[in-house]
C-alpha atoms as a PDB file:
ATOM      1  CA  MET A   1     173.284 123.034 180.667  1.00  0.00           C
ATOM      2  CA  SER A   2     173.800 127.071 180.242  1.00  0.00           C
ATOM      3  CA  GLU A   3     174.647 129.172 183.707  1.00  0.00           C
ATOM      4  CA  SER A   4     173.822 132.184 185.454  1.00  0.00           C
ATOM      5  CA  PHE A   5     177.268 133.813 186.300  1.00  0.00           C
ATOM      6  CA  VAL A   6     178.380 137.086 188.130  1.00  0.00           C
ATOM      7  CA  ILE A   7     181.026 139.336 187.973  1.00  0.00           C
ATOM      8  CA  PHE A   8     183.586 139.982 190.536  1.00  0.00           C
ATOM      9  CA  GLU A   9     186.695 142.999 190.920  1.00  0.00           C
ATOM     10  CA  VAL A  10     188.285 144.234 193.345  1.00  0.00           C
ATOM     11  CA  ARG A  11     187.892 147.269 194.975  1.00  0.00           C
ATOM     12  CA  LYS A  12     191.223 147.846 195.999  1.00  0.00           C
ATOM     13  CA  GLN A  13     190.408 151.405 198.235  1.00  0.00           C
ATOM     14  CA  ASN A  14     188.478 149.055 200.595  1.00  0.00           C
ATOM     15  CA  ASN A  15     189.572 145.417 199.418  1.00  0.00           C
ATOM     16  CA  THR A  16     186.874 144.319 199.324  1.00  0.00           C
ATOM     17  CA  ILE A  17     185.055 142.370 196.638  1.00  0.00           C
ATOM     18  CA  THR A  18     181.222 143.711 195.283  1.00  0.00           C
ATOM     19  CA  PRO A  19     179.766 142.302 191.836  1.00  0.00           C
ATOM     20  CA  THR A  20     179.371 144.899 189.208  1.00  0.00           C
ATOM     21  CA  ASP A  21     176.378 143.957 187.526  1.00  0.00           C
ATOM     22  CA  MET A  22     174.001 141.492 188.459  1.00  0.00           C
ATOM     23  CA  ALA A  23     173.617 138.057 187.565  1.00  0.00           C
ATOM     24  CA  LYS A  24     173.442 138.023 183.820  1.00  0.00           C
ATOM     25  CA  VAL A  25     169.933 135.644 181.667  1.00  0.00           C
ATOM     26  CA  VAL A  26     171.384 133.526 179.791  1.00  0.00           C
ATOM     27  CA  TYR A  27     168.623 131.855 176.692  1.00  0.00           C
ATOM     28  CA  LYS A  28     169.074 128.836 174.794  1.00  0.00           C
ATOM     29  CA  SER A  29     169.789 129.895 171.169  1.00  0.00           C
ATOM     30  CA  TYR A  30     166.407 130.574 169.769  1.00  0.00           C
ATOM     31  CA  ASN A  31     165.619 129.803 165.579  1.00  0.00           C
ATOM     32  CA  GLN A  32     162.750 129.258 163.718  1.00  0.00           C
ATOM     33  CA  ASN A  33     165.344 126.389 161.462  1.00  0.00           C
ATOM     34  CA  ASP A  34     165.275 128.944 158.064  1.00  0.00           C
ATOM     35  CA  ASN A  35     168.175 128.843 157.875  1.00  0.00           C
ATOM     36  CA  LEU A  36     168.279 125.311 158.699  1.00  0.00           C
ATOM     37  CA  LEU A  37     171.058 123.355 156.238  1.00  0.00           C
ATOM     38  CA  PHE A  38     170.217 119.642 157.689  1.00  0.00           C
ATOM     39  CA  PRO A  39     166.227 119.168 159.341  1.00  0.00           C
ATOM     40  CA  HIS A  40     164.928 116.745 161.950  1.00  0.00           C
ATOM     41  CA  TYR A  41     163.722 113.915 160.347  1.00  0.00           C
ATOM     42  CA  ILE A  42     160.388 114.312 161.276  1.00  0.00           C
ATOM     43  CA  GLY A  43     159.906 110.873 162.559  1.00  0.00           C
ATOM     44  CA  ASP A  44     162.229 111.996 165.141  1.00  0.00           C
ATOM     45  CA  PHE A  45     159.456 113.944 166.655  1.00  0.00           C
ATOM     46  CA  ILE A  46     156.845 110.701 166.834  1.00  0.00           C
ATOM     47  CA  PRO A  47     157.376 108.247 170.043  1.00  0.00           C
ATOM     48  CA  GLU A  48     158.296 104.661 168.553  1.00  0.00           C
ATOM     49  CA  ASN A  49     154.695 103.943 170.087  1.00  0.00           C
ATOM     50  CA  GLU A  50     152.850 106.012 168.747  1.00  0.00           C
ATOM     51  CA  PRO A  51     149.516 105.403 167.074  1.00  0.00           C
ATOM     52  CA  VAL A  52     150.112 106.409 163.797  1.00  0.00           C
ATOM     53  CA  ARG A  53     152.587 103.809 163.765  1.00  0.00           C
ATOM     54  CA  VAL A  54     150.748 100.702 163.963  1.00  0.00           C
ATOM     55  CA  LEU A  55     148.030 102.634 161.663  1.00  0.00           C
ATOM     56  CA  ASP A  56     151.249 103.284 158.630  1.00  0.00           C
ATOM     57  CA  ALA A  57     152.245  99.539 159.417  1.00  0.00           C
ATOM     58  CA  ILE A  58     149.052  98.281 158.617  1.00  0.00           C
ATOM     59  CA  VAL A  59     148.251 100.182 155.341  1.00  0.00           C
ATOM     60  CA  GLU A  60     152.201  98.977 153.962  1.00  0.00           C
ATOM     61  CA  HIS A  61     150.972  95.932 154.433  1.00  0.00           C
ATOM     62  CA  LEU A  62     147.206  96.674 152.532  1.00  0.00           C
ATOM     63  CA  ASP A  63     146.355  95.094 149.290  1.00  0.00           C
ATOM     64  CA  ILE A  64     146.094  97.742 148.073  1.00  0.00           C
ATOM     65  CA  ARG A  65     145.471  96.625 144.090  1.00  0.00           C
ATOM     66  CA  ALA A  66     141.736  97.222 143.382  1.00  0.00           C
ATOM     67  CA  ILE A  67     142.290 101.039 144.381  1.00  0.00           C
ATOM     68  CA  GLU A  68     145.313 101.200 141.996  1.00  0.00           C
ATOM     69  CA  ALA A  69     143.505  99.630 139.274  1.00  0.00           C
ATOM     70  CA  THR A  70     140.842 103.011 139.258  1.00  0.00           C
ATOM     71  CA  TYR A  71     143.670 104.694 138.439  1.00  0.00           C
ATOM     72  CA  LYS A  72     144.564 105.263 133.950  1.00  0.00           C
ATOM     73  CA  GLY A  73     147.417 106.264 132.803  1.00  0.00           C
ATOM     74  CA  GLY A  74     148.698 109.157 131.190  1.00  0.00           C
ATOM     75  CA  GLY A  75     148.083 113.001 132.115  1.00  0.00           C
ATOM     76  CA  ASP A  76     149.548 114.310 134.940  1.00  0.00           C
ATOM     77  CA  SER A  77     151.048 112.859 137.805  1.00  0.00           C
ATOM     78  CA  SER A  78     148.541 111.581 141.377  1.00  0.00           C
ATOM     79  CA  PHE A  79     149.549 111.517 144.741  1.00  0.00           C
ATOM     80  CA  ALA A  80     150.241 107.526 145.723  1.00  0.00           C
ATOM     81  CA  PRO A  81     146.537 106.073 146.840  1.00  0.00           C
ATOM     82  CA  ARG A  82     148.457 103.999 149.472  1.00  0.00           C
ATOM     83  CA  MET A  83     149.600 107.590 151.201  1.00  0.00           C
ATOM     84  CA  LEU A  84     145.962 109.110 150.557  1.00  0.00           C
ATOM     85  CA  LEU A  85     144.381 106.063 151.888  1.00  0.00           C
ATOM     86  CA  LYS A  86     147.260 106.705 155.315  1.00  0.00           C
ATOM     87  CA  VAL A  87     145.854 109.866 155.836  1.00  0.00           C
ATOM     88  CA  VAL A  88     142.111 108.981 155.488  1.00  0.00           C
ATOM     89  CA  LEU A  89     142.490 106.139 157.529  1.00  0.00           C
ATOM     90  CA  TYR A  90     144.194 108.302 160.552  1.00  0.00           C
ATOM     91  CA  ALA A  91     141.585 110.999 160.210  1.00  0.00           C
ATOM     92  CA  TYR A  92     138.345 107.942 160.343  1.00  0.00           C
ATOM     93  CA  LEU A  93     140.685 107.082 163.883  1.00  0.00           C
ATOM     94  CA  GLN A  94     140.347 110.704 165.645  1.00  0.00           C
ATOM     95  CA  ASN A  95     136.861 111.174 164.270  1.00  0.00           C
ATOM     96  CA  ILE A  96     137.979 113.344 161.531  1.00  0.00           C
ATOM     97  CA  TYR A  97     135.863 113.450 158.517  1.00  0.00           C
ATOM     98  CA  SER A  98     136.009 116.480 157.175  1.00  0.00           C
ATOM     99  CA  GLY A  99     138.466 116.795 154.310  1.00  0.00           C
ATOM    100  CA  ARG A 100     138.987 120.381 154.484  1.00  0.00           C
ATOM    101  CA  LYS A 101     140.334 119.002 158.075  1.00  0.00           C
ATOM    102  CA  MET A 102     142.486 116.969 156.900  1.00  0.00           C
ATOM    103  CA  GLU A 103     144.251 119.278 154.481  1.00  0.00           C
ATOM    104  CA  LYS A 104     144.803 121.562 157.296  1.00  0.00           C
ATOM    105  CA  LEU A 105     146.357 119.394 159.995  1.00  0.00           C
ATOM    106  CA  LEU A 106     148.839 118.094 156.243  1.00  0.00           C
ATOM    107  CA  LYS A 107     150.355 120.977 156.816  1.00  0.00           C
ATOM    108  CA  ARG A 108     150.060 121.887 160.984  1.00  0.00           C
ATOM    109  CA  ASP A 109     149.717 118.320 162.568  1.00  0.00           C
ATOM    110  CA  VAL A 110     152.885 116.425 162.324  1.00  0.00           C
ATOM    111  CA  ASN A 111     151.697 113.042 162.172  1.00  0.00           C
ATOM    112  CA  PHE A 112     149.726 113.964 159.571  1.00  0.00           C
ATOM    113  CA  MET A 113     152.433 114.993 157.725  1.00  0.00           C
ATOM    114  CA  TRP A 114     155.131 111.892 158.370  1.00  0.00           C
ATOM    115  CA  LEU A 115     152.312 109.750 156.569  1.00  0.00           C
ATOM    116  CA  SER A 116     152.134 112.129 153.803  1.00  0.00           C
ATOM    117  CA  GLY A 117     155.809 112.206 154.021  1.00  0.00           C
ATOM    118  CA  MET A 118     155.401 116.422 153.430  1.00  0.00           C
ATOM    119  CA  GLN A 119     152.832 116.538 150.884  1.00  0.00           C
ATOM    120  CA  ARG A 120     150.005 118.429 150.809  1.00  0.00           C
ATOM    121  CA  PRO A 121     147.061 117.425 149.130  1.00  0.00           C
ATOM    122  CA  ASP A 122     144.497 119.750 149.382  1.00  0.00           C
ATOM    123  CA  TYR A 123     140.567 118.996 150.608  1.00  0.00           C
ATOM    124  CA  ASN A 124     139.121 118.345 147.206  1.00  0.00           C
ATOM    125  CA  THR A 125     141.774 115.743 146.276  1.00  0.00           C
ATOM    126  CA  ILE A 126     141.233 114.467 149.518  1.00  0.00           C
ATOM    127  CA  ASN A 127     138.164 114.005 148.909  1.00  0.00           C
ATOM    128  CA  LEU A 128     138.018 112.846 145.491  1.00  0.00           C
ATOM    129  CA  PHE A 129     140.093 109.530 146.232  1.00  0.00           C
ATOM    130  CA  ARG A 130     137.277 109.372 148.891  1.00  0.00           C
ATOM    131  CA  LYS A 131     134.405 109.062 146.437  1.00  0.00           C
ATOM    132  CA  ASN A 132     136.036 107.919 143.899  1.00  0.00           C
ATOM    133  CA  ARG A 133     139.195 105.149 144.491  1.00  0.00           C
ATOM    134  CA  LEU A 134     137.768 104.316 147.643  1.00  0.00           C
ATOM    135  CA  ALA A 135     134.098 104.485 147.909  1.00  0.00           C
ATOM    136  CA  CYS A 136     133.828 100.878 146.821  1.00  0.00           C
ATOM    137  CA  PHE A 137     136.350  98.788 148.569  1.00  0.00           C
ATOM    138  CA  ILE A 138     136.636 101.228 151.917  1.00  0.00           C
ATOM    139  CA  ASP A 139     133.592  99.337 154.021  1.00  0.00           C
ATOM    140  CA  ASN A 140     135.982  95.863 153.762  1.00  0.00           C
ATOM    141  CA  ILE A 141     139.476  98.308 154.045  1.00  0.00           C
ATOM    142  CA  PHE A 142     138.717 100.698 156.921  1.00  0.00           C
ATOM    143  CA  THR A 143     137.729  97.253 159.110  1.00  0.00           C
ATOM    144  CA  GLN A 144     140.542  95.607 157.637  1.00  0.00           C
ATOM    145  CA  VAL A 145     142.947  98.275 159.623  1.00  0.00           C
ATOM    146  CA  VAL A 146     140.254  97.678 162.948  1.00  0.00           C
ATOM    147  CA  GLN A 147     140.641  94.488 163.265  1.00  0.00           C
ATOM    148  CA  MET A 148     144.693  93.610 162.504  1.00  0.00           C
ATOM    149  CA  PRO A 149     145.676  94.865 165.430  1.00  0.00           C
ATOM    150  CA  VAL A 150     143.150  93.503 167.622  1.00  0.00           C
ATOM    151  CA  ASP A 151     144.105  90.225 166.230  1.00  0.00           C
ATOM    152  CA  ALA A 152     147.891  90.754 166.720  1.00  0.00           C
ATOM    153  CA  LYS A 153     147.260  92.048 170.269  1.00  0.00           C
ATOM    154  CA  PHE A 154     147.972  95.183 169.604  1.00  0.00           C
ATOM    155  CA  ILE A 155     144.628  96.767 170.365  1.00  0.00           C
ATOM    156  CA  SER A 156     142.441  95.900 173.085  1.00  0.00           C
ATOM    157  CA  LEU A 157     138.898  96.811 172.874  1.00  0.00           C
ATOM    158  CA  GLU A 158     138.349  96.773 176.622  1.00  0.00           C
ATOM    159  CA  VAL A 159     138.397 100.524 177.741  1.00  0.00           C
ATOM    160  CA  GLN A 160     135.434 102.833 177.567  1.00  0.00           C
ATOM    161  CA  TYR A 161     136.121 106.484 176.733  1.00  0.00           C
ATOM    162  CA  ILE A 162     133.434 110.028 175.970  1.00  0.00           C
ATOM    163  CA  ASP A 163     134.568 111.341 173.822  1.00  0.00           C
ATOM    164  CA  GLY A 164     134.539 108.688 170.952  1.00  0.00           C
ATOM    165  CA  THR A 165     136.580 106.377 169.061  1.00  0.00           C
ATOM    166  CA  LYS A 166     140.328 106.659 168.978  1.00  0.00           C
ATOM    167  CA  ILE A 167     143.929 104.845 169.513  1.00  0.00           C
ATOM    168  CA  GLU A 168     146.299 105.879 172.019  1.00  0.00           C
ATOM    169  CA  ALA A 169     149.197 104.102 173.762  1.00  0.00           C
ATOM    170  CA  ASN A 170     149.306 102.150 176.369  1.00  0.00           C
ATOM    171  CA  ALA A 171     152.058 100.711 178.396  1.00  0.00           C
ATOM    172  CA  ASN A 172     153.436  99.878 174.515  1.00  0.00           C
ATOM    173  CA  LYS A 173     149.660  98.667 173.431  1.00  0.00           C
ATOM    174  CA  TYR A 174     147.305 100.013 171.175  1.00  0.00           C
ATOM    175  CA  THR A 175     143.559 100.104 172.624  1.00  0.00           C
ATOM    176  CA  PHE A 176     140.693 100.825 170.440  1.00  0.00           C
ATOM    177  CA  VAL A 177     138.739 103.791 172.450  1.00  0.00           C
ATOM    178  CA  TRP A 178     135.045 103.966 172.484  1.00  0.00           C
ATOM    179  CA  LYS A 179     131.988 106.063 173.041  1.00  0.00           C
ATOM    180  CA  LYS A 180     129.834 105.829 175.069  1.00  0.00           C
ATOM    181  CA  SER A 181     129.934 101.454 175.205  1.00  0.00           C
ATOM    182  CA  THR A 182     132.646  98.701 175.588  1.00  0.00           C
ATOM    183  CA  LYS A 183     133.012  97.124 172.223  1.00  0.00           C
ATOM    184  CA  THR A 184     134.550  93.623 172.458  1.00  0.00           C
ATOM    185  CA  ASN A 185     133.085  91.169 170.065  1.00  0.00           C
ATOM    186  CA  GLN A 186     132.861  91.414 165.799  1.00  0.00           C
ATOM    187  CA  GLY A 187     129.613  91.744 165.872  1.00  0.00           C
ATOM    188  CA  LYS A 188     129.756  96.092 167.838  1.00  0.00           C
ATOM    189  CA  LEU A 189     133.030  96.182 165.833  1.00  0.00           C
ATOM    190  CA  ASP A 190     130.912  95.957 162.569  1.00  0.00           C
ATOM    191  CA  LEU A 191     128.326  98.127 163.465  1.00  0.00           C
ATOM    192  CA  LYS A 192     131.225 100.431 164.673  1.00  0.00           C
ATOM    193  CA  VAL A 193     133.120 100.223 162.132  1.00  0.00           C
ATOM    194  CA  LYS A 194     129.618 101.364 159.952  1.00  0.00           C
ATOM    195  CA  GLU A 195     128.455 104.091 162.294  1.00  0.00           C
ATOM    196  CA  ILE A 196     131.804 105.601 161.593  1.00  0.00           C
ATOM    197  CA  LEU A 197     131.863 105.549 157.522  1.00  0.00           C
ATOM    198  CA  ARG A 198     128.183 106.414 157.563  1.00  0.00           C
ATOM    199  CA  GLU A 199     129.298 110.207 159.354  1.00  0.00           C
ATOM    200  CA  ALA A 200     132.877 110.200 157.607  1.00  0.00           C
ATOM    201  CA  GLU A 201     130.016 109.985 153.912  1.00  0.00           C
ATOM    202  CA  LYS A 202     128.422 112.214 155.997  1.00  0.00           C
ATOM    203  CA  GLN A 203     130.966 114.464 155.769  1.00  0.00           C
ATOM    204  CA  LEU A 204     132.514 114.483 152.314  1.00  0.00           C
ATOM    205  CA  ASP A 205     128.735 114.257 151.148  1.00  0.00           C
ATOM    206  CA  MET A 206     127.998 118.344 152.096  1.00  0.00           C
ATOM    207  CA  GLU A 207     132.050 119.429 151.361  1.00  0.00           C
ATOM    208  CA  LEU A 208     131.346 117.797 147.587  1.00  0.00           C
END
């Protein structure tokens, strides 16, 4: 830890010790990493119990061959569908349904930047992925993403929150928090998933 200090000198004429300078203010080193040779691994900024890590692990284990089958060979390279899926699902769990907002978050939010591996698909790419690749499968996939951590007891459905659907860390577990009413059974869970997906579809239609 840096410490402030005072410089003293001996004044011979009166044999007293007096400060020749006020206490110096010492600032911590600061730069914006423009010249940093070894940048931090972005995952270092995300705690181990952060919900985004749960989402990442779940999507890594999903079978997405049906989505991959919608791609044709040739032409320019495409963003990895599993990466785009992570971004879209994490956004939905944060009540974010706009592709434009997802594009912005990929540039400024550490969780989205980590999920995408620092890649930055624009909102048009995200929206076309949702419409042309994901639309036929999103209901089943999103339900799995919600249900899997519940079954594994990583998520409890017993907490109420007034600000919509999201995941939040709680005592090293993850708690799904639903708007207005607690969702504790499969039927209500399915209804909530459908509500989220309807809102997502509405936002998508507005941007296309």
